[in-house]
N, C-alpha and C. Protein backbone atom coordinates (compact mmCIF):
# COMPACT_ATOMS: atom_id res chain seq x y z
N UNK A 1 57.65 92.44 176.99
CA UNK A 1 57.99 93.09 178.25
C UNK A 1 57.77 94.61 178.15
N UNK A 2 58.27 95.20 177.08
CA UNK A 2 58.12 96.64 176.92
C UNK A 2 56.64 97.00 176.76
N UNK A 3 55.92 96.19 176.00
CA UNK A 3 54.50 96.45 175.78
C UNK A 3 53.74 96.40 177.10
N UNK A 4 54.07 95.42 177.94
CA UNK A 4 53.40 95.28 179.23
C UNK A 4 53.68 96.50 180.11
N UNK A 5 54.95 96.94 180.11
CA UNK A 5 55.32 98.11 180.90
C UNK A 5 54.56 99.33 180.39
N UNK A 6 54.43 99.46 179.08
CA UNK A 6 53.71 100.60 178.52
C UNK A 6 52.25 100.59 178.94
N UNK A 7 51.63 99.42 178.95
CA UNK A 7 50.23 99.33 179.38
C UNK A 7 50.10 99.71 180.85
N UNK A 8 51.03 99.24 181.66
CA UNK A 8 50.98 99.57 183.09
C UNK A 8 51.17 101.07 183.30
N UNK A 9 52.11 101.65 182.56
CA UNK A 9 52.35 103.09 182.68
C UNK A 9 51.12 103.88 182.23
N UNK A 10 50.49 103.43 181.16
CA UNK A 10 49.30 104.10 180.66
C UNK A 10 48.14 103.98 181.65
N UNK A 11 47.97 102.81 182.24
CA UNK A 11 46.92 102.61 183.24
C UNK A 11 47.17 103.51 184.45
N UNK A 12 48.42 103.63 184.86
CA UNK A 12 48.80 104.49 185.99
C UNK A 12 48.47 105.95 185.67
N UNK A 13 48.85 106.38 184.47
CA UNK A 13 48.61 107.75 184.05
C UNK A 13 47.11 108.04 183.94
N UNK A 14 46.37 107.11 183.36
CA UNK A 14 44.92 107.29 183.23
C UNK A 14 44.25 107.38 184.60
N UNK A 15 44.74 106.61 185.54
CA UNK A 15 44.17 106.62 186.89
C UNK A 15 44.38 107.96 187.55
N UNK A 16 45.56 108.51 187.43
CA UNK A 16 45.86 109.82 188.02
C UNK A 16 45.00 110.91 187.37
N UNK A 17 44.91 110.88 186.05
CA UNK A 17 44.09 111.87 185.35
C UNK A 17 42.61 111.73 185.73
N UNK A 18 42.14 110.50 185.84
CA UNK A 18 40.74 110.28 186.22
C UNK A 18 40.47 110.82 187.63
N UNK A 19 41.41 110.59 188.54
CA UNK A 19 41.23 111.08 189.91
C UNK A 19 41.20 112.61 189.95
N UNK A 20 42.11 113.24 189.22
CA UNK A 20 42.13 114.69 189.18
C UNK A 20 40.84 115.24 188.58
N UNK A 21 40.40 114.65 187.49
CA UNK A 21 39.17 115.08 186.84
C UNK A 21 37.96 114.86 187.74
N UNK A 22 37.91 113.73 188.42
CA UNK A 22 36.82 113.40 189.33
C UNK A 22 36.69 114.47 190.41
N UNK A 23 37.82 114.84 191.02
CA UNK A 23 37.79 115.83 192.09
C UNK A 23 37.32 117.20 191.60
N UNK A 24 37.78 117.60 190.42
CA UNK A 24 37.37 118.88 189.86
C UNK A 24 35.88 118.88 189.54
N UNK A 25 35.43 117.82 188.89
CA UNK A 25 34.01 117.74 188.51
C UNK A 25 33.11 117.64 189.74
N UNK A 26 33.59 116.95 190.77
CA UNK A 26 32.82 116.84 192.00
C UNK A 26 32.62 118.22 192.62
N UNK A 27 33.68 119.02 192.63
CA UNK A 27 33.59 120.39 193.15
C UNK A 27 32.64 121.25 192.32
N UNK A 28 32.55 120.95 191.03
CA UNK A 28 31.71 121.73 190.13
C UNK A 28 30.28 121.22 190.06
N UNK A 29 29.93 120.28 190.93
CA UNK A 29 28.55 119.82 191.02
C UNK A 29 28.15 118.78 189.99
N UNK A 30 29.08 117.96 189.56
CA UNK A 30 28.76 116.91 188.58
C UNK A 30 27.72 115.94 189.15
N UNK A 31 26.97 115.34 188.25
CA UNK A 31 25.98 114.34 188.67
C UNK A 31 26.68 113.03 189.00
N UNK A 32 25.98 112.16 189.68
CA UNK A 32 26.52 110.84 190.00
C UNK A 32 26.88 110.08 188.73
N UNK A 33 26.06 110.20 187.72
CA UNK A 33 26.31 109.53 186.45
C UNK A 33 27.61 110.02 185.82
N UNK A 34 27.86 111.32 185.86
CA UNK A 34 29.09 111.89 185.32
C UNK A 34 30.31 111.39 186.11
N UNK A 35 30.19 111.34 187.43
CA UNK A 35 31.29 110.88 188.26
C UNK A 35 31.57 109.40 188.03
N UNK A 36 30.54 108.61 187.86
CA UNK A 36 30.72 107.18 187.57
C UNK A 36 31.45 107.00 186.24
N UNK A 37 31.10 107.80 185.27
CA UNK A 37 31.76 107.72 183.96
C UNK A 37 33.25 108.03 184.09
N UNK A 38 33.58 109.06 184.85
CA UNK A 38 34.99 109.43 185.06
C UNK A 38 35.72 108.30 185.78
N UNK A 39 35.11 107.75 186.81
CA UNK A 39 35.73 106.67 187.58
C UNK A 39 35.99 105.45 186.72
N UNK A 40 35.14 105.22 185.73
CA UNK A 40 35.30 104.04 184.87
C UNK A 40 36.55 104.13 184.01
N UNK A 41 37.13 105.31 183.87
CA UNK A 41 38.35 105.49 183.07
C UNK A 41 39.61 105.12 183.84
N UNK A 42 39.49 104.91 185.12
CA UNK A 42 40.67 104.58 185.94
C UNK A 42 41.20 103.20 185.58
N UNK A 43 42.50 103.12 185.37
CA UNK A 43 43.12 101.84 185.07
C UNK A 43 43.35 100.99 186.30
N UNK A 44 43.51 101.63 187.44
CA UNK A 44 43.76 100.94 188.72
C UNK A 44 42.76 101.51 189.73
N UNK A 45 41.68 100.79 189.92
CA UNK A 45 40.58 101.30 190.73
C UNK A 45 40.98 101.51 192.19
N UNK A 46 41.85 100.65 192.71
CA UNK A 46 42.30 100.82 194.10
C UNK A 46 43.10 102.11 194.25
N UNK A 47 43.99 102.37 193.31
CA UNK A 47 44.77 103.61 193.34
C UNK A 47 43.85 104.82 193.16
N UNK A 48 42.89 104.69 192.27
CA UNK A 48 41.93 105.78 192.03
C UNK A 48 41.26 106.21 193.32
N UNK A 49 40.66 105.26 194.05
CA UNK A 49 39.95 105.61 195.28
C UNK A 49 40.90 106.05 196.38
N UNK A 50 42.13 105.56 196.36
CA UNK A 50 43.14 106.03 197.31
C UNK A 50 43.40 107.52 197.06
N UNK A 51 43.56 107.89 195.78
CA UNK A 51 43.84 109.28 195.44
C UNK A 51 42.65 110.19 195.72
N UNK A 52 41.43 109.68 195.54
CA UNK A 52 40.25 110.47 195.85
C UNK A 52 40.22 110.78 197.35
N UNK A 53 40.60 109.81 198.16
CA UNK A 53 40.64 110.00 199.61
C UNK A 53 41.84 110.78 200.10
N UNK A 54 42.89 110.85 199.27
CA UNK A 54 44.13 111.52 199.65
C UNK A 54 44.64 112.39 198.49
N UNK A 55 43.89 113.40 198.12
CA UNK A 55 44.25 114.19 196.94
C UNK A 55 45.61 114.88 197.03
N UNK A 56 46.08 115.10 198.24
CA UNK A 56 47.40 115.73 198.41
C UNK A 56 48.53 114.83 197.93
N UNK A 57 48.26 113.53 197.73
CA UNK A 57 49.28 112.59 197.26
C UNK A 57 49.36 112.52 195.73
N UNK A 58 48.44 113.15 195.03
CA UNK A 58 48.43 113.09 193.56
C UNK A 58 49.77 113.54 192.97
N UNK A 59 50.34 114.67 193.40
CA UNK A 59 51.63 115.07 192.82
C UNK A 59 52.74 114.02 193.03
N UNK A 60 52.71 113.32 194.13
CA UNK A 60 53.73 112.28 194.36
C UNK A 60 53.59 111.15 193.35
N UNK A 61 52.37 110.76 193.05
CA UNK A 61 52.13 109.70 192.08
C UNK A 61 52.44 110.17 190.66
N UNK A 62 52.24 111.45 190.39
CA UNK A 62 52.58 111.99 189.06
C UNK A 62 54.09 111.92 188.84
N UNK A 63 54.86 112.18 189.88
CA UNK A 63 56.31 112.11 189.75
C UNK A 63 56.81 110.69 189.52
N UNK A 64 56.10 109.71 190.06
CA UNK A 64 56.49 108.31 189.90
C UNK A 64 56.26 107.82 188.48
N UNK A 65 55.31 108.45 187.77
CA UNK A 65 54.91 108.03 186.44
C UNK A 65 56.03 107.74 185.55
């Protein structure tokens, strides 16, 4: 049970970090290949794309972590 919770928490954290990194790199002119690589690190792809579309919600998800 604890191990499962840890994996879920890690996936959540990785997703938030990937979204933040994706947005920064996108602003800095990253290539599509670079952005795809960053997106592949997301543990929860649905949450990742939600955060990309709603970057103002990232701090709320960080607090939930």
